[in-house]
Amino acid sequence: MKELKIKNNLKLEIYNTGGQTWYCDYFFYNGLGHEIGTTKASGYGYNKHSTVISNAINKFKFLYKFKNGLQWDGMEHINTKQGKRIYGIYRDKHISYGLGISSVIDCLNAFNNIKVISINYGQKFDYIHLEITTTEKAMQKELERNQKILNNKKSDKYSKKEAKETIKRIKELFNIEEE
């Protein structure tokens, strides 16, 4: 029996209301659950526009699956089988901040289950729609992986906190009941 694929949609609306602060309203839904939120970046000296996008995309990194054949060249550089170089993505699927919007979008090419549906650049706001395909089995494996981190006495506080939050979000977003 073929496992059912779950199509998750992540819609991002990026805008600036004036001043130094940028915002990104995100809406995630998959037919089982949804999440709505806003990320923001302010201050000086870095690309805030791309940072709010990275912040929103990174909230769902537990869904992403790396393509096969990626070669890591340093901490945040990848070389693909086709000889393309991608900058700004870490081994933990975290996309770096302040890269510029085109580099953030380029980082998505490292994953085999993300499809860019549309990108619209506007005068007042930008809009990005991503489709992330996953399966119930993959989500169950992610739950188990995070539970192991929680149960491991050698895990640091930050890792345990992140694992606990990921477990909670997966259960909410995929309507998984407590056992």
Protein backbone atom coordinates (compact mmCIF):
# COMPACT_ATOMS: atom_id res chain seq x y z
CA MET A 1 0.00 0.00 0.00
CA LYS A 2 1.38 3.39 -1.01
CA GLU A 3 1.78 5.91 1.79
CA LEU A 4 -0.30 9.05 1.46
CA LYS A 5 1.68 12.25 0.87
CA ILE A 6 0.76 15.34 2.84
CA LYS A 7 1.03 18.64 0.97
CA ASN A 8 1.85 21.44 3.37
CA ASN A 9 1.51 25.05 2.24
CA LEU A 10 3.61 27.85 3.68
CA LYS A 11 2.59 31.34 2.58
CA LEU A 12 4.75 34.32 3.47
CA GLU A 13 3.86 38.00 3.17
CA ILE A 14 6.85 40.28 3.73
CA TYR A 15 6.44 44.01 4.36
CA ASN A 16 7.88 47.12 5.96
CA THR A 17 5.65 49.72 7.60
CA GLY A 18 8.35 52.38 7.49
CA GLY A 19 11.45 52.64 9.58
CA GLN A 20 13.99 49.91 10.17
CA THR A 21 11.65 47.02 11.04
CA TRP A 22 10.61 44.34 8.54
CA TYR A 23 7.80 41.84 9.14
CA CYS A 24 6.83 38.50 7.66
CA ASP A 25 3.33 37.16 8.25
CA TYR A 26 3.31 33.40 7.69
CA PHE A 27 0.41 31.04 7.25
CA PHE A 28 1.03 27.28 7.31
CA TYR A 29 -1.73 24.77 6.57
CA ASN A 30 -2.03 21.16 5.42
CA GLY A 31 -5.65 20.11 5.87
CA LEU A 32 -4.88 18.63 9.30
CA GLY A 33 -3.71 21.71 11.15
CA HIS A 34 -2.51 25.25 10.67
CA GLU A 35 -0.28 27.89 12.22
CA ILE A 36 -0.31 31.65 11.79
CA GLY A 37 2.42 33.97 13.02
CA THR A 38 4.68 36.91 12.37
CA THR A 39 8.44 37.22 12.40
CA LYS A 40 10.24 40.55 12.56
CA ALA A 41 13.74 41.96 12.22
CA SER A 42 14.97 45.40 13.12
CA GLY A 43 18.20 47.24 13.74
CA TYR A 44 21.11 48.12 11.50
CA GLY A 45 23.84 46.41 9.54
CA TYR A 46 22.22 43.35 7.96
CA ASN A 47 19.56 42.45 5.42
CA LYS A 48 16.36 42.48 7.50
CA HIS A 49 14.17 41.73 4.47
CA SER A 50 15.73 38.29 3.98
CA THR A 51 16.10 37.69 7.72
CA VAL A 52 12.35 37.75 8.35
CA ILE A 53 11.91 35.24 5.50
CA SER A 54 14.63 32.95 6.92
CA ASN A 55 13.02 33.19 10.38
CA ALA A 56 9.64 32.07 9.01
CA ILE A 57 11.06 29.27 6.84
CA ASN A 58 13.25 27.99 9.70
CA LYS A 59 10.18 27.53 11.91
CA PHE A 60 9.29 24.51 9.76
CA LYS A 61 12.76 23.02 9.19
CA PHE A 62 11.65 19.75 10.82
CA LEU A 63 9.67 19.10 7.61
CA TYR A 64 12.56 19.49 5.17
CA LYS A 65 14.52 16.61 3.60
CA PHE A 66 17.95 17.18 2.06
CA LYS A 67 18.55 16.01 -1.50
CA ASN A 68 20.88 13.05 -1.97
CA GLY A 69 24.45 13.69 -3.08
CA LEU A 70 25.06 17.01 -1.37
CA GLN A 71 28.69 17.70 -0.47
CA TRP A 72 29.35 19.98 2.49
CA ASP A 73 32.19 22.43 1.96
CA GLY A 74 32.67 24.21 5.24
CA MET A 75 30.01 25.10 7.78
CA GLU A 76 27.33 26.57 5.52
CA HIS A 77 28.36 25.76 1.94
CA ILE A 78 26.92 22.93 -0.17
CA ASN A 79 27.98 21.63 -3.56
CA THR A 80 25.28 19.74 -5.48
CA LYS A 81 25.78 16.80 -7.86
CA GLN A 82 25.26 19.23 -10.72
CA GLY A 83 28.18 21.38 -9.53
CA LYS A 84 26.02 24.18 -8.16
CA ARG A 85 27.18 25.88 -4.96
CA ILE A 86 24.62 26.88 -2.33
CA TYR A 87 25.61 29.26 0.45
CA GLY A 88 23.80 29.93 3.70
CA ILE A 89 22.40 26.61 4.88
CA TYR A 90 23.59 24.56 7.84
CA ARG A 91 23.56 20.80 8.37
CA ASP A 92 20.67 21.16 10.83
CA LYS A 93 18.53 22.59 7.95
CA HIS A 94 18.77 26.12 9.37
CA ILE A 95 18.94 28.87 6.74
CA SER A 96 21.29 31.68 7.73
CA TYR A 97 20.19 35.28 8.29
CA GLY A 98 20.90 38.43 6.28
CA LEU A 99 21.81 36.64 3.04
CA GLY A 100 19.52 38.45 0.68
CA ILE A 101 16.20 37.08 -0.59
CA SER A 102 17.65 35.38 -3.68
CA SER A 103 20.14 33.42 -1.54
CA VAL A 104 17.39 32.36 0.87
CA ILE A 105 15.32 31.06 -2.06
CA ASP A 106 18.45 29.38 -3.46
CA CYS A 107 18.92 27.53 -0.15
CA LEU A 108 15.56 25.83 -0.74
CA ASN A 109 17.20 24.01 -3.69
CA ALA A 110 19.05 21.86 -1.14
CA PHE A 111 15.78 20.13 -0.21
CA ASN A 112 13.95 17.55 -2.31
CA ASN A 113 10.50 18.11 -0.81
CA ILE A 114 10.09 21.89 -1.21
CA LYS A 115 8.51 23.41 -4.28
CA VAL A 116 8.31 27.17 -4.84
CA ILE A 117 4.75 27.74 -6.07
CA SER A 118 5.04 31.49 -6.56
CA ILE A 119 7.09 34.53 -5.70
CA ASN A 120 5.64 38.00 -6.21
CA TYR A 121 7.66 41.11 -5.58
CA GLY A 122 5.56 44.22 -5.03
CA GLN A 123 6.00 47.84 -4.23
CA LYS A 124 4.59 47.57 -0.70
CA PHE A 125 5.06 43.87 0.05
CA ASP A 126 6.47 40.59 -1.27
CA TYR A 127 4.66 37.27 -1.30
CA ILE A 128 6.12 33.74 -1.35
CA HIS A 129 4.14 30.49 -1.52
CA LEU A 130 5.94 27.21 -0.80
CA GLU A 131 4.64 23.65 -0.92
CA ILE A 132 6.37 21.14 1.36
CA THR A 133 5.56 17.49 0.72
CA THR A 134 5.91 14.99 3.55
CA THR A 135 4.32 11.79 4.81
CA GLU A 136 2.79 10.64 8.07
CA LYS A 137 5.61 8.11 8.40
CA ALA A 138 8.23 10.86 8.08
CA MET A 139 6.49 12.88 10.78
CA GLN A 140 6.41 9.83 13.05
CA LYS A 141 10.18 9.37 12.54
CA GLU A 142 10.74 13.05 13.35
CA LEU A 143 8.71 12.63 16.56
CA GLU A 144 10.83 9.61 17.52
CA ARG A 145 14.08 11.44 16.73
CA ASN A 146 13.09 14.38 18.92
CA GLN A 147 11.91 12.07 21.71
CA LYS A 148 15.37 10.45 21.73
CA ILE A 149 16.93 13.89 22.18
CA LEU A 150 14.60 14.55 25.13
CA ASN A 151 15.42 11.18 26.71
CA ASN A 152 19.19 11.52 26.24
CA LYS A 153 20.80 12.68 29.48
CA LYS A 154 23.74 14.11 27.50
CA SER A 155 21.55 16.48 25.47
CA ASP A 156 22.02 20.14 26.36
CA LYS A 157 19.17 22.38 27.56
CA TYR A 158 18.83 24.15 24.19
CA SER A 159 18.52 20.84 22.27
CA LYS A 160 15.94 19.51 24.73
CA LYS A 161 13.91 22.71 24.56
CA GLU A 162 13.95 22.68 20.74
CA ALA A 163 13.01 18.97 20.66
CA LYS A 164 10.10 19.54 23.07
CA GLU A 165 8.78 22.44 20.95
CA THR A 166 9.13 20.42 17.73
CA ILE A 167 7.19 17.48 19.21
CA LYS A 168 4.40 19.81 20.33
CA ARG A 169 4.21 21.53 16.90
CA ILE A 170 4.19 18.25 14.95
CA LYS A 171 1.35 16.92 17.11
CA GLU A 172 -0.65 20.12 16.61
CA LEU A 173 0.05 20.60 12.87
CA PHE A 174 -0.56 16.96 11.93
CA ASN A 175 -3.38 16.28 14.40
CA ILE A 176 -1.52 13.48 16.17
CA GLU A 177 -3.11 12.36 19.42
CA GLU A 178 -1.17 11.64 22.61
CA GLU A 179 -0.53 7.94 23.18
